[in-house]
Amino acid sequence: MAHPWSEGSDPATARQLRPLSARFPIPAVNWNRYQSLIGAADVVRATGRISGLVGLTIEADGPTARVGDLCMLEELQTRQKIPAEVVGFRRGHVLLMPIGDHHGIGPGWVVSATGESLTAPVSENLLGRVVDALANPIDGRGPVAGTIRRPLNCTPPHPLTRPRVTDRLTTGVRVIDTLLTLGKGQRMGLFAGSGVGKSTLMGMIARTSSADVNVIALVGERGKEVRDFLDRDLGPDGARKSVTVVCTSDQPALLRVKAALTATTIAEYFRDRGANVMLLVDSVTRWALAQREIGLATGEPPTTRGFPPSVFALLPRLLERAGRSSRGSITGVYTVLVEGDDLAEPISDSCRAILDGHLVLSRRIASQNHFPAVDVLESVSRVTSDVLNPGERVLAGDVRDILATYREAEDLIAVGAYKRGASCKIDRAIDLIDGLNSFLKQDIRETADEAGTWARLRALTQAPSQPLAAATAA
C-alpha cells in the first residue's frame, strides 16, 4: 500500500497529511545572532559553583548577589551545608568567606543566594547569657526564648537626632568618676599595652556602674581568658545584668568582625527599649586586625602600616553606632591594645579622633602596684564640662594641676635638688601627692560611693601644707 502522501495517492489527502514543515516552510534563520543576544543578556543567577579557594577567600562563578549577602555552600552528594558571606567581586566572580570552618570545601560545590544579610536574635532573655559571634547561646543553658531578629549592619543615628550628653554615668571607679567623668551616651577609649589591666578594669566597670544593662564583646580573646573574665572579673553580680558575646582568637576573621557588630546590635535593642546600656568591646585592635585579614584576602592594598583602607572606613561605622537616642543611651567603652605602648600607631590614632575621650593605662604606674593604672595627665574625657557642676569642675582641675606640678618637678625632688620653699605650687604638690595617689588607687572588689568620693577628694585638696620651719627642723 502506498504511503498517504507518496506518488499514486489522492492529491487532496496527500496535501492534508504532509508534515507541517512541508506545508508551511520555515525560512532560514541566523541562530548565531540570537545566541549572541542571549549570551549578552543580563540574567539573575540564583546559584553558582565554587571555582577556587585561596586562603580564606572562596571564588565562585555565581550567584547574583550583593556585598554582605548571605549565601549557602552545599555539597550535593553529602548535602553538607556551610553559610558564607559575599565580601567582594573579582573579574566577574563572586568572592565569599565562610561563616565558620571552611574545612572540606571543594570545587564544584553549589553556591545558593538567600537574598538576605546576617541578622542576630535579640531579646530581653539574653540577660545573663553567654553567646557566640552570631548571638547563639554557648553557655549550655538552652535556647533563648522570645527572640526577634535584627540586622547586624545598621546605619549610625543621624547627628541632628542625637541628644547632647549631659547626664553623668557613675562607674564606681574613683579616678574615672571624678577626674575623667563619663556621660550617658559617651564613647570612651581604654588604651593600654598588654598585661596592664584592661580586662580587669573593664570587668570592674561592668560590675559597679550605674548602667541598666551591660553588653560585653570579647573579640579575638584567648580561650583561657574568657573563663577568667566571666568568673573572676565579671562575677555573678555583673553577669546578672550582662550579655556577653564571645569570639575567641582561633575563630575565623569574619566571625571576629561580626562579634563586635552583634554586640552593638544587642545594645541598640536594649537602648530602643529605654535602657541606659554600657557597651564594652575588648578589643577594637583585634577587630581591626580581623578586618585587615579580610581586606588583604580580597585583594585590597595595604596602605597604612599594613592596614587596608576598609579598616579605616568601617571603624567609624562601628564606633558611631553608640550614643544617645530619644529613648535610651549606649555608653561605649572600647579597649585599644597599644602595640609596643605606641599611642601614635594607626588604630590608636584613628580611635582617638573618633571617640569622645580616652583613658590611658600606664605600664610605669602599673609597675608601682597602682590599680587602676590610669595616667590622669595623658587621659581626657571630652564631656566632663557638660556633666559636672561648676564646683566639681574646679576641684577636678585643681587635682590635675597638682599632679602636673609634681610630675614636672619629680626628677628634681627624687635627686634632692629641690629645696623646699622655692615654689609654693611644688611645696603643695609634695604635701598632697601621697594622699592623692592613695585616693586614685582602688581595690578591684571595692565600689566607690559618688557623694563620698567627692567629699574625700575635696578634703584632700584642702589639707594645709606643711610649714617651712617644721619641714626644715624635720
Protein backbone atom coordinates (compact mmCIF):
# COMPACT_ATOMS: atom_id res chain seq x y z
CA MET A 1 0.00 0.00 0.00
CA ALA A 2 1.33 3.39 -0.96
CA HIS A 3 2.19 5.93 1.71
CA PRO A 4 -0.61 8.54 2.04
CA TRP A 5 1.49 11.32 0.51
CA SER A 6 3.55 9.19 -1.85
CA GLU A 7 3.03 9.03 -5.64
CA GLY A 8 -0.25 7.44 -6.64
CA SER A 9 -2.18 8.59 -3.59
CA ASP A 10 -5.08 11.03 -3.68
CA PRO A 11 -3.63 14.59 -4.11
CA ALA A 12 -6.06 16.24 -1.65
CA THR A 13 -5.37 13.66 1.01
CA ALA A 14 -1.66 13.95 0.44
CA ARG A 15 -1.72 17.72 0.91
CA GLN A 16 -3.58 17.40 4.24
CA LEU A 17 -1.28 14.71 5.60
CA ARG A 18 2.03 16.31 4.71
CA PRO A 19 4.27 17.35 7.66
CA LEU A 20 3.86 20.90 8.90
CA SER A 21 7.40 21.70 7.83
CA ALA A 22 6.45 20.76 4.28
CA ARG A 23 3.09 22.52 4.34
CA PHE A 24 4.45 25.70 5.98
CA PRO A 25 8.13 26.06 5.11
CA ILE A 26 10.22 27.92 7.76
CA PRO A 27 12.60 30.49 6.37
CA ALA A 28 16.28 30.16 7.13
CA VAL A 29 17.22 31.81 10.46
CA ASN A 30 20.61 33.12 11.61
CA TRP A 31 20.69 31.34 15.01
CA ASN A 32 24.15 32.69 15.82
CA ARG A 33 22.69 36.18 16.12
CA TYR A 34 20.17 35.06 18.75
CA GLN A 35 22.76 33.05 20.64
CA SER A 36 24.96 36.13 20.97
CA LEU A 37 22.00 38.18 22.22
CA ILE A 38 21.10 35.53 24.81
CA GLY A 39 24.69 35.30 25.96
CA ALA A 40 24.87 39.07 26.49
CA ALA A 41 21.56 39.23 28.36
CA ASP A 42 21.67 40.37 31.99
CA VAL A 43 20.09 37.43 33.78
CA VAL A 44 19.76 36.77 37.51
CA ARG A 45 21.60 33.64 38.55
CA ALA A 46 20.21 32.02 41.69
CA THR A 47 23.08 29.54 42.00
CA GLY A 48 26.70 29.17 41.08
CA ARG A 49 29.60 26.80 41.69
CA ILE A 50 32.85 27.13 43.58
CA SER A 51 35.76 27.55 41.19
CA GLY A 52 38.60 28.37 43.56
CA LEU A 53 39.73 28.72 47.18
CA VAL A 54 42.80 30.69 48.24
CA GLY A 55 43.43 31.19 51.94
CA LEU A 56 40.21 32.49 53.46
CA THR A 57 38.54 33.51 50.20
CA ILE A 58 36.21 31.34 48.11
CA GLU A 59 35.74 32.23 44.45
CA ALA A 60 32.55 31.19 42.65
CA ASP A 61 31.04 31.78 39.20
CA GLY A 62 27.78 32.94 40.78
CA PRO A 63 25.19 33.57 42.07
CA THR A 64 23.94 37.12 41.57
CA ALA A 65 24.34 38.77 44.97
CA ARG A 66 25.48 41.92 46.73
CA VAL A 67 28.27 42.54 49.21
CA GLY A 68 27.06 41.47 52.64
CA ASP A 69 24.51 38.96 51.31
CA LEU A 70 24.30 35.56 52.95
CA CYS A 71 24.84 32.54 50.68
CA MET A 72 24.74 28.81 51.30
CA LEU A 73 27.50 26.46 50.14
CA GLU A 74 26.28 22.90 49.54
CA GLU A 75 27.91 19.63 48.56
CA LEU A 76 25.27 17.80 46.51
CA GLN A 77 26.26 14.23 47.38
CA THR A 78 26.51 14.57 51.17
CA ARG A 79 24.11 17.54 51.47
CA GLN A 80 26.65 19.25 53.72
CA LYS A 81 25.87 22.99 54.01
CA ILE A 82 28.08 25.87 55.12
CA PRO A 83 26.91 29.52 55.28
CA ALA A 84 29.11 32.17 53.71
CA GLU A 85 29.00 35.91 53.17
CA VAL A 86 29.74 37.83 49.99
CA VAL A 87 32.78 40.02 50.62
CA GLY A 88 33.66 41.20 47.11
CA PHE A 89 33.92 40.55 43.39
CA ARG A 90 36.83 39.87 41.05
CA ARG A 91 36.75 39.56 37.24
CA GLY A 92 33.08 38.60 37.17
CA HIS A 93 33.41 36.10 40.01
CA VAL A 94 31.88 36.30 43.48
CA LEU A 95 34.23 36.30 46.49
CA LEU A 96 32.86 34.71 49.66
CA MET A 97 34.09 33.93 53.14
CA PRO A 98 32.61 31.03 55.12
CA ILE A 99 30.95 31.77 58.43
CA GLY A 100 32.74 29.11 60.37
CA ASP A 101 35.30 26.47 59.43
CA HIS A 102 35.90 26.01 55.68
CA HIS A 103 37.47 22.56 56.11
CA GLY A 104 36.20 20.13 53.46
CA ILE A 105 35.05 22.70 50.90
CA GLY A 106 35.95 21.71 47.35
CA PRO A 107 35.45 22.77 43.72
CA GLY A 108 32.01 22.21 42.29
CA TRP A 109 30.09 22.91 45.46
CA VAL A 110 26.84 24.71 44.70
CA VAL A 111 26.52 28.30 45.93
CA SER A 112 22.95 29.48 46.51
CA ALA A 113 21.89 33.06 47.24
CA THR A 114 19.46 33.62 50.08
CA GLY A 115 18.76 37.26 49.28
CA GLU A 116 19.26 38.17 52.94
CA SER A 117 22.05 39.56 55.09
CA LEU A 118 23.19 38.35 58.51
CA THR A 119 20.89 39.03 61.45
CA ALA A 120 21.14 38.43 65.20
CA PRO A 121 18.41 37.17 67.55
CA VAL A 122 17.72 39.71 70.30
CA SER A 123 15.53 39.51 73.38
CA GLU A 124 15.40 40.65 76.99
CA ASN A 125 16.00 37.00 77.85
CA LEU A 126 19.61 37.43 76.69
CA LEU A 127 20.45 38.98 80.06
CA GLY A 128 22.78 36.72 81.98
CA ARG A 129 23.64 34.67 78.90
CA VAL A 130 26.88 34.00 77.02
CA VAL A 131 26.51 33.85 73.22
CA ASP A 132 28.74 33.41 70.20
CA ALA A 133 29.54 35.90 67.42
CA LEU A 134 26.07 35.44 65.89
CA ALA A 135 24.20 35.61 69.24
CA ASN A 136 23.65 31.85 69.51
CA PRO A 137 23.88 30.68 73.16
CA ILE A 138 27.04 28.77 74.10
CA ASP A 139 26.58 28.58 77.88
CA GLY A 140 24.77 25.23 77.87
CA ARG A 141 21.51 26.69 79.18
CA GLY A 142 19.42 26.02 76.10
CA PRO A 143 17.92 28.37 73.50
CA VAL A 144 16.92 31.95 74.24
CA ALA A 145 13.14 32.42 74.26
CA GLY A 146 11.15 35.21 72.64
CA THR A 147 13.78 36.48 70.23
CA ILE A 148 13.33 38.71 67.21
CA ARG A 149 15.95 39.19 64.53
CA ARG A 150 17.73 42.44 63.76
CA PRO A 151 20.33 43.14 61.04
CA LEU A 152 23.97 43.34 62.08
CA ASN A 153 24.80 46.21 59.76
CA CYS A 154 22.79 49.25 60.81
CA THR A 155 23.34 52.89 59.94
CA PRO A 156 24.56 55.11 62.80
CA PRO A 157 21.97 57.61 64.08
CA HIS A 158 21.68 60.91 62.24
CA PRO A 159 23.83 63.53 64.01
CA LEU A 160 20.94 66.01 64.35
CA THR A 161 18.74 63.42 66.09
CA ARG A 162 21.27 62.75 68.86
CA PRO A 163 20.51 64.49 72.18
CA ARG A 164 23.53 66.07 73.85
CA VAL A 165 25.41 64.14 76.54
CA THR A 166 24.52 65.97 79.75
CA ASP A 167 23.89 63.24 82.36
CA ARG A 168 26.75 61.54 84.15
CA LEU A 169 27.14 57.79 84.39
CA THR A 170 28.91 56.56 87.50
CA THR A 171 31.27 53.63 87.19
CA GLY A 172 32.17 53.04 90.85
CA VAL A 173 35.84 53.73 89.95
CA ARG A 174 37.09 56.84 91.78
CA VAL A 175 39.60 58.08 89.22
CA ILE A 176 37.02 57.88 86.43
CA ASP A 177 34.05 59.32 88.31
CA THR A 178 35.97 62.41 89.48
CA LEU A 179 38.75 63.30 87.04
CA LEU A 180 37.55 61.56 83.84
CA THR A 181 33.80 61.54 84.34
CA LEU A 182 31.68 59.59 81.84
CA GLY A 183 28.35 60.75 80.46
CA LYS A 184 25.41 58.64 79.33
CA GLY A 185 25.91 58.12 75.60
CA GLN A 186 29.63 58.92 75.59
CA ARG A 187 32.16 56.78 73.72
CA MET A 188 35.41 56.30 75.60
CA GLY A 189 38.59 54.50 74.56
CA LEU A 190 40.63 52.45 77.03
CA PHE A 191 44.21 52.48 75.71
CA ALA A 192 46.86 50.16 77.10
CA GLY A 193 49.56 47.69 76.25
CA SER A 194 49.26 44.01 77.05
CA GLY A 195 49.12 42.98 80.70
CA VAL A 196 48.41 46.43 82.16
CA GLY A 197 44.90 45.68 83.45
CA LYS A 198 42.43 46.50 80.66
CA SER A 199 40.19 43.45 81.13
CA THR A 200 40.25 43.74 84.91
CA LEU A 201 39.19 47.39 84.79
CA MET A 202 36.52 46.57 82.19
CA GLY A 203 35.06 43.87 84.45
CA MET A 204 35.13 46.25 87.39
CA ILE A 205 33.15 48.85 85.42
CA ALA A 206 30.62 46.20 84.34
CA ARG A 207 30.05 45.14 87.97
CA THR A 208 29.79 48.55 89.60
CA SER A 209 28.47 51.02 87.01
CA SER A 210 25.02 52.58 87.21
CA ALA A 211 24.06 51.32 83.73
CA ASP A 212 20.88 49.27 83.43
CA VAL A 213 22.39 46.68 81.05
CA ASN A 214 25.92 45.63 80.09
CA VAL A 215 26.72 44.22 76.66
CA ILE A 216 30.26 42.86 76.58
CA ALA A 217 32.10 41.75 73.44
CA LEU A 218 35.26 39.65 73.84
CA VAL A 219 36.70 39.83 70.32
CA GLY A 220 39.68 37.64 69.49
CA GLU A 221 40.28 36.84 73.16
CA ARG A 222 42.32 33.83 74.32
CA GLY A 223 40.16 30.90 75.37
CA LYS A 224 41.65 30.80 78.87
CA GLU A 225 40.97 34.49 79.42
CA VAL A 226 37.26 34.11 78.62
CA ARG A 227 36.62 31.90 81.64
CA ASP A 228 38.84 34.09 83.83
CA PHE A 229 36.91 37.19 82.80
CA LEU A 230 33.50 35.61 83.37
CA ASP A 231 34.29 34.08 86.76
CA ARG A 232 36.87 36.45 88.23
CA ASP A 233 36.46 39.89 86.65
CA LEU A 234 32.73 39.98 85.88
CA GLY A 235 31.47 37.69 88.62
CA PRO A 236 27.86 36.70 89.31
CA ASP A 237 26.80 40.26 90.22
CA GLY A 238 27.94 41.64 86.88
CA ALA A 239 26.74 38.64 84.90
CA ARG A 240 23.12 39.05 86.01
CA LYS A 241 22.73 42.30 84.09
CA SER A 242 25.09 41.47 81.23
CA VAL A 243 25.05 39.87 77.81
CA THR A 244 28.49 38.52 76.89
CA VAL A 245 29.41 37.95 73.23
CA VAL A 246 32.44 35.68 72.86
CA CYS A 247 34.57 35.08 69.77
CA THR A 248 37.98 33.61 70.54
CA SER A 249 41.19 34.14 68.59
CA ASP A 250 41.04 30.73 66.88
CA GLN A 251 37.76 31.52 65.10
CA PRO A 252 37.67 32.88 61.52
CA ALA A 253 38.31 36.55 60.89
CA LEU A 254 34.78 37.09 59.58
CA LEU A 255 33.28 35.90 62.87
CA ARG A 256 35.61 38.13 64.87
CA VAL A 257 34.39 41.12 62.88
CA LYS A 258 30.76 40.07 63.32
CA ALA A 259 31.14 39.69 67.10
CA ALA A 260 31.54 43.45 67.61
CA LEU A 261 28.61 44.14 65.27
CA THR A 262 26.44 41.60 67.09
CA ALA A 263 27.20 43.17 70.48
CA THR A 264 26.34 46.62 69.10
CA THR A 265 23.07 45.29 67.64
CA ILE A 266 22.10 43.81 71.03
CA ALA A 267 22.97 47.10 72.74
CA GLU A 268 20.80 49.00 70.23
CA TYR A 269 17.87 46.69 71.02
CA PHE A 270 18.06 47.48 74.75
CA ARG A 271 18.59 51.20 74.05
CA ASP A 272 15.45 51.28 71.90
CA ARG A 273 13.55 49.82 74.86
CA GLY A 274 14.58 52.75 77.05
CA ALA A 275 17.62 51.30 78.86
CA ASN A 276 20.92 53.01 79.59
CA VAL A 277 23.36 50.47 78.17
CA MET A 278 27.07 50.06 78.85
CA LEU A 279 28.72 48.58 75.75
CA LEU A 280 32.21 47.17 76.46
CA VAL A 281 34.25 45.93 73.49
CA ASP A 282 37.59 44.21 74.09
CA SER A 283 39.26 44.94 71.82
CA VAL A 284 38.93 47.24 68.82
CA THR A 285 42.51 46.43 67.83
CA ARG A 286 41.77 42.73 67.37
CA TRP A 287 38.60 43.67 65.47
CA ALA A 288 40.71 45.82 63.14
CA LEU A 289 43.25 43.01 62.67
CA ALA A 290 40.43 40.66 61.67
CA GLN A 291 39.13 43.19 59.15
CA ARG A 292 42.68 43.54 57.83
CA GLU A 293 42.75 39.78 57.15
CA ILE A 294 39.52 40.06 55.20
CA GLY A 295 40.65 43.12 53.25
CA LEU A 296 44.01 41.64 52.25
CA ALA A 297 42.39 38.32 51.32
CA THR A 298 40.01 40.07 48.93
CA GLY A 299 42.80 41.97 47.21
CA GLU A 300 42.85 45.34 48.99
CA PRO A 301 46.25 47.06 49.01
CA PRO A 302 47.89 47.61 52.40
CA THR A 303 48.17 51.39 52.71
CA THR A 304 48.86 52.37 56.33
CA ARG A 305 51.33 50.14 58.18
CA GLY A 306 49.80 47.06 56.59
CA PHE A 307 46.15 48.07 57.12
CA PRO A 308 43.91 48.30 54.02
CA PRO A 309 41.52 51.25 53.52
CA SER A 310 38.43 49.23 54.53
CA VAL A 311 39.61 49.13 58.18
CA PHE A 312 39.55 52.92 58.48
CA ALA A 313 36.26 53.14 56.55
CA LEU A 314 34.45 50.63 58.79
CA LEU A 315 35.92 51.81 62.11
CA PRO A 316 33.74 54.96 62.41
CA ARG A 317 30.68 52.99 61.29
CA LEU A 318 31.20 50.69 64.27
CA LEU A 319 32.03 53.36 66.85
CA GLU A 320 29.40 55.88 65.75
CA ARG A 321 26.54 53.46 66.44
CA ALA A 322 26.88 54.07 70.19
CA GLY A 323 25.38 57.19 71.75
CA ARG A 324 22.12 58.65 72.96
CA SER A 325 18.69 58.41 71.38
CA SER A 326 15.31 59.83 72.33
CA ARG A 327 14.60 56.64 74.31
CA GLY A 328 17.85 55.49 75.91
CA SER A 329 21.61 55.55 75.59
CA ILE A 330 24.62 53.40 74.75
CA THR A 331 27.77 54.38 76.61
CA GLY A 332 30.64 52.71 74.78
CA VAL A 333 33.97 51.74 76.33
CA TYR A 334 36.30 50.34 73.67
CA THR A 335 39.65 48.88 74.66
CA VAL A 336 42.53 49.55 72.29
CA LEU A 337 45.60 47.34 72.52
CA VAL A 338 48.53 49.70 72.03
CA GLU A 339 51.28 47.78 70.26
CA GLY A 340 54.64 48.48 71.86
CA ASP A 341 52.97 51.17 74.06
CA ASP A 342 52.93 53.40 70.95
CA LEU A 343 49.89 55.68 71.18
CA ALA A 344 50.61 57.02 67.69
CA GLU A 345 50.10 53.71 65.85
CA PRO A 346 47.29 53.84 63.21
CA ILE A 347 44.40 52.17 65.07
CA SER A 348 45.04 54.09 68.30
CA ASP A 349 45.32 57.37 66.44
CA SER A 350 42.10 56.77 64.47
CA CYS A 351 40.17 55.77 67.58
CA ARG A 352 41.25 58.86 69.50
CA ALA A 353 39.99 61.03 66.63
CA ILE A 354 36.56 59.33 66.61
CA LEU A 355 35.88 58.72 70.31
CA ASP A 356 34.77 61.24 72.95
CA GLY A 357 37.74 60.69 75.20
CA HIS A 358 40.47 58.24 76.13
CA LEU A 359 41.74 56.55 79.29
CA VAL A 360 45.42 55.70 79.07
CA LEU A 361 46.74 52.88 81.28
CA SER A 362 50.43 53.30 82.04
CA ARG A 363 52.84 50.40 82.38
CA ARG A 364 55.02 52.60 84.60
CA ILE A 365 52.15 53.24 87.01
CA ALA A 366 51.09 49.58 86.94
CA SER A 367 54.62 48.52 87.88
CA GLN A 368 54.23 50.54 91.09
CA ASN A 369 51.38 48.25 92.21
CA HIS A 370 48.89 51.01 91.43
CA PHE A 371 45.48 49.81 90.19
CA PRO A 372 43.78 51.06 88.13
CA ALA A 373 46.91 52.26 86.36
CA VAL A 374 45.21 55.29 84.77
CA ASP A 375 47.58 58.05 83.72
CA VAL A 376 45.34 61.01 84.52
CA LEU A 377 47.51 63.58 82.73
CA GLU A 378 47.54 61.57 79.49
CA SER A 379 43.80 60.89 79.64
CA VAL A 380 40.82 63.09 78.86
CA SER A 381 37.03 62.95 78.90
CA ARG A 382 35.54 65.37 76.38
CA VAL A 383 32.18 65.61 78.17
CA THR A 384 33.48 66.42 81.67
CA SER A 385 32.49 70.08 81.41
CA ASP A 386 28.94 69.07 80.42
CA VAL A 387 28.26 66.53 83.18
CA LEU A 388 29.98 68.13 86.21
CA ASN A 389 28.71 71.12 88.15
CA PRO A 390 30.97 74.22 88.41
CA GLY A 391 32.34 73.30 91.83
CA GLU A 392 33.26 69.79 90.73
CA ARG A 393 34.93 71.12 87.57
CA VAL A 394 37.10 73.47 89.63
CA LEU A 395 38.04 70.69 92.04
CA ALA A 396 38.92 68.25 89.24
CA GLY A 397 41.03 70.93 87.52
CA ASP A 398 42.87 71.67 90.78
CA VAL A 399 43.76 67.99 91.22
CA ARG A 400 45.09 67.75 87.67
CA ASP A 401 47.17 70.87 88.29
CA ILE A 402 48.68 69.32 91.44
CA LEU A 403 49.52 66.09 89.59
CA ALA A 404 51.08 68.01 86.69
CA THR A 405 53.16 70.19 89.00
CA TYR A 406 54.56 67.20 90.86
CA ARG A 407 55.38 65.34 87.61
CA GLU A 408 57.35 68.33 86.29
CA ALA A 409 59.41 68.55 89.47
CA GLU A 410 59.60 64.81 90.18
CA ASP A 411 63.17 64.33 88.93
CA LEU A 412 64.47 67.28 90.96
CA ILE A 413 62.68 66.02 94.06
CA ALA A 414 63.98 62.46 93.60
CA VAL A 415 67.65 63.51 93.45
CA GLY A 416 67.28 66.06 96.27
CA ALA A 417 67.91 69.05 94.01
CA TYR A 418 64.70 70.82 95.01
CA LYS A 419 64.80 72.91 98.20
CA ARG A 420 61.51 73.39 99.97
CA GLY A 421 60.25 76.99 99.81
CA ALA A 422 61.45 77.64 96.26
CA SER A 423 57.92 77.24 94.88
CA CYS A 424 54.61 77.31 96.71
CA LYS A 425 52.99 75.15 93.99
CA ILE A 426 55.67 72.47 94.22
CA ASP A 427 55.53 72.54 98.04
CA ARG A 428 51.77 72.00 97.92
CA ALA A 429 52.15 69.19 95.36
CA ILE A 430 54.73 67.44 97.59
CA ASP A 431 52.38 67.68 100.57
CA LEU A 432 49.34 66.32 98.73
CA ILE A 433 50.76 63.77 96.31
CA ASP A 434 50.74 60.78 98.67
CA GLY A 435 47.13 61.38 99.64
CA LEU A 436 46.06 61.80 96.03
CA ASN A 437 47.85 58.63 94.94
CA SER A 438 46.12 56.74 97.73
CA PHE A 439 42.79 58.20 96.57
CA LEU A 440 43.41 57.19 92.95
CA LYS A 441 44.21 53.60 93.97
CA GLN A 442 41.31 51.20 94.32
CA ASP A 443 40.92 47.52 95.04
CA ILE A 444 39.19 45.54 92.30
CA ARG A 445 36.41 44.49 94.73
CA GLU A 446 35.83 48.00 96.09
CA THR A 447 32.91 50.12 94.89
CA ALA A 448 33.26 53.87 95.36
CA ASP A 449 30.25 55.90 96.50
CA GLU A 450 29.86 59.02 94.37
CA ALA A 451 29.00 61.51 97.13
CA GLY A 452 31.64 60.15 99.50
CA THR A 453 34.23 60.17 96.73
CA TRP A 454 33.82 63.89 96.01
CA ALA A 455 33.83 64.74 99.72
CA ARG A 456 37.06 62.80 100.26
CA LEU A 457 38.74 64.46 97.26
CA ARG A 458 37.71 67.93 98.47
CA ALA A 459 39.14 67.22 101.91
CA LEU A 460 42.44 66.07 100.43
CA THR A 461 42.97 69.24 98.39
CA GLN A 462 42.08 71.49 101.33
CA ALA A 463 44.64 69.90 103.66
CA PRO A 464 47.10 72.56 104.91
CA SER A 465 50.65 72.49 103.59
CA GLN A 466 53.49 71.60 105.95
CA PRO A 467 55.05 74.84 107.36
CA LEU A 468 58.53 75.63 106.09
CA ALA A 469 60.05 75.85 109.55
CA ALA A 470 58.64 72.46 110.59
CA ALA A 471 59.92 70.92 107.38
CA THR A 472 63.41 72.37 107.93
CA ALA A 473 63.51 71.12 111.53
CA ALA A 474 62.45 67.68 110.45
